[in-house]
């Protein structure tokens, strides 16, 4: 499940009719409603989950953590992220960069 799918399910859980049919409740929306919802989503600030996902990718691809302790070799992206938490400021630095990149991308899409 994608981050967006997960967040949407938490915010608007799927509802089912109570008649035992297992059918989902369906509500009608016109195209104006759908377009407005799409635009709001595109213009919304990045969520903490999005920022962390991008920050992890930036950290992993930069391999900055490799040079900090020559004896340490991260196994994967999660391991590198966990290790970076022990080094003051690394996570915050990458999160700030990620937030900036996401903001730039959103502005480019809406211009």
Protein backbone atom coordinates (compact mmCIF):
# COMPACT_ATOMS: atom_id res chain seq x y z
CA UNK A 1 0.00 0.00 0.00
CA UNK A 2 1.37 3.42 -0.90
CA UNK A 3 1.85 6.21 1.62
CA UNK A 4 -1.06 8.11 0.09
CA UNK A 5 -3.32 5.03 0.18
CA UNK A 6 -2.40 4.37 3.81
CA UNK A 7 -3.03 7.97 4.87
CA UNK A 8 -6.32 8.12 2.94
CA UNK A 9 -7.56 4.90 4.55
CA UNK A 10 -6.72 6.26 8.01
CA UNK A 11 -8.40 9.61 7.31
CA UNK A 12 -11.43 8.14 5.53
CA UNK A 13 -11.85 4.49 6.49
CA UNK A 14 -13.80 2.35 4.06
CA UNK A 15 -17.41 2.00 5.16
CA UNK A 16 -19.62 -1.01 4.46
CA UNK A 17 -23.39 -1.42 4.58
CA UNK A 18 -24.61 -3.19 7.71
CA UNK A 19 -26.86 -5.57 5.79
CA UNK A 20 -24.30 -8.42 5.73
CA UNK A 21 -23.67 -8.02 1.99
CA UNK A 22 -20.07 -6.84 2.42
CA UNK A 23 -20.76 -4.06 -0.09
CA UNK A 24 -18.93 -0.78 0.31
CA UNK A 25 -20.95 2.37 0.81
CA UNK A 26 -20.63 4.55 -2.26
CA UNK A 27 -21.27 8.27 -2.29
CA UNK A 28 -21.71 10.35 -5.41
CA UNK A 29 -19.32 13.22 -6.14
CA UNK A 30 -19.29 15.42 -9.19
CA UNK A 31 -16.19 16.28 -11.21
CA UNK A 32 -15.86 19.67 -9.51
CA UNK A 33 -15.57 17.92 -6.12
CA UNK A 34 -12.98 15.48 -7.43
CA UNK A 35 -10.94 18.21 -9.10
CA UNK A 36 -10.99 20.33 -5.94
CA UNK A 37 -9.84 17.36 -3.85
CA UNK A 38 -7.04 16.65 -6.32
CA UNK A 39 -5.85 20.27 -6.28
CA UNK A 40 -5.93 20.39 -2.47
CA UNK A 41 -3.83 17.24 -2.32
CA UNK A 42 -1.27 18.58 -4.80
CA UNK A 43 -0.98 21.91 -2.95
CA UNK A 44 -0.88 20.44 0.56
CA UNK A 45 2.40 20.63 2.44
CA UNK A 46 4.35 17.37 2.47
CA UNK A 47 3.47 15.01 5.30
CA UNK A 48 6.05 13.85 7.83
CA UNK A 49 5.89 10.37 6.29
CA UNK A 50 6.70 11.75 2.83
CA UNK A 51 9.55 13.85 4.19
CA UNK A 52 11.05 10.89 6.03
CA UNK A 53 10.80 8.64 2.97
CA UNK A 54 12.65 11.17 0.80
CA UNK A 55 15.20 11.90 3.55
CA UNK A 56 16.00 8.18 3.83
CA UNK A 57 16.59 8.00 0.07
CA UNK A 58 18.82 11.08 0.16
CA UNK A 59 20.85 9.70 3.04
CA UNK A 60 21.19 6.25 1.46
CA UNK A 61 22.22 7.56 -1.95
CA UNK A 62 24.65 10.13 -0.54
CA UNK A 63 26.49 7.47 1.49
CA UNK A 64 27.51 10.23 3.93
CA UNK A 65 27.26 7.78 6.80
CA UNK A 66 30.02 5.63 5.26
CA UNK A 67 32.69 8.23 6.01
CA UNK A 68 31.65 8.86 9.60
CA UNK A 69 32.81 5.56 11.05
CA UNK A 70 35.04 3.47 8.81
CA UNK A 71 34.13 0.30 10.75
CA UNK A 72 30.41 0.72 10.19
CA UNK A 73 28.69 -0.62 7.07
CA UNK A 74 24.95 -0.11 6.81
CA UNK A 75 23.04 -3.13 5.50
CA UNK A 76 20.27 -1.16 3.86
CA UNK A 77 18.43 2.16 3.79
CA UNK A 78 16.64 1.51 7.12
CA UNK A 79 19.86 0.54 8.84
CA UNK A 80 21.58 3.70 7.59
CA UNK A 81 18.62 5.79 8.80
CA UNK A 82 18.71 4.15 12.23
CA UNK A 83 22.46 4.72 12.47
CA UNK A 84 22.13 8.36 11.39
CA UNK A 85 19.83 8.93 14.37
CA UNK A 86 22.82 8.37 16.63
CA UNK A 87 24.72 11.17 14.89
CA UNK A 88 23.49 14.56 16.04
CA UNK A 89 21.84 16.57 13.29
CA UNK A 90 22.09 14.15 10.37
CA UNK A 91 18.43 13.20 10.25
CA UNK A 92 17.31 16.78 10.70
CA UNK A 93 19.61 17.93 7.92
CA UNK A 94 18.31 15.33 5.46
CA UNK A 95 14.70 15.95 6.50
CA UNK A 96 15.14 19.68 5.82
CA UNK A 97 16.59 18.91 2.38
CA UNK A 98 13.74 16.49 1.66
CA UNK A 99 11.10 19.02 2.71
CA UNK A 100 12.69 21.63 0.42
CA UNK A 101 12.78 19.20 -2.52
CA UNK A 102 9.15 18.22 -2.02
CA UNK A 103 8.08 21.88 -1.83
CA UNK A 104 9.99 22.67 -5.04
CA UNK A 105 8.36 19.73 -6.81
CA UNK A 106 4.89 20.74 -5.67
CA UNK A 107 5.39 24.34 -6.77
CA UNK A 108 6.61 23.17 -10.17
CA UNK A 109 3.52 21.03 -10.65
CA UNK A 110 1.10 23.81 -9.71
CA UNK A 111 2.74 26.59 -11.76
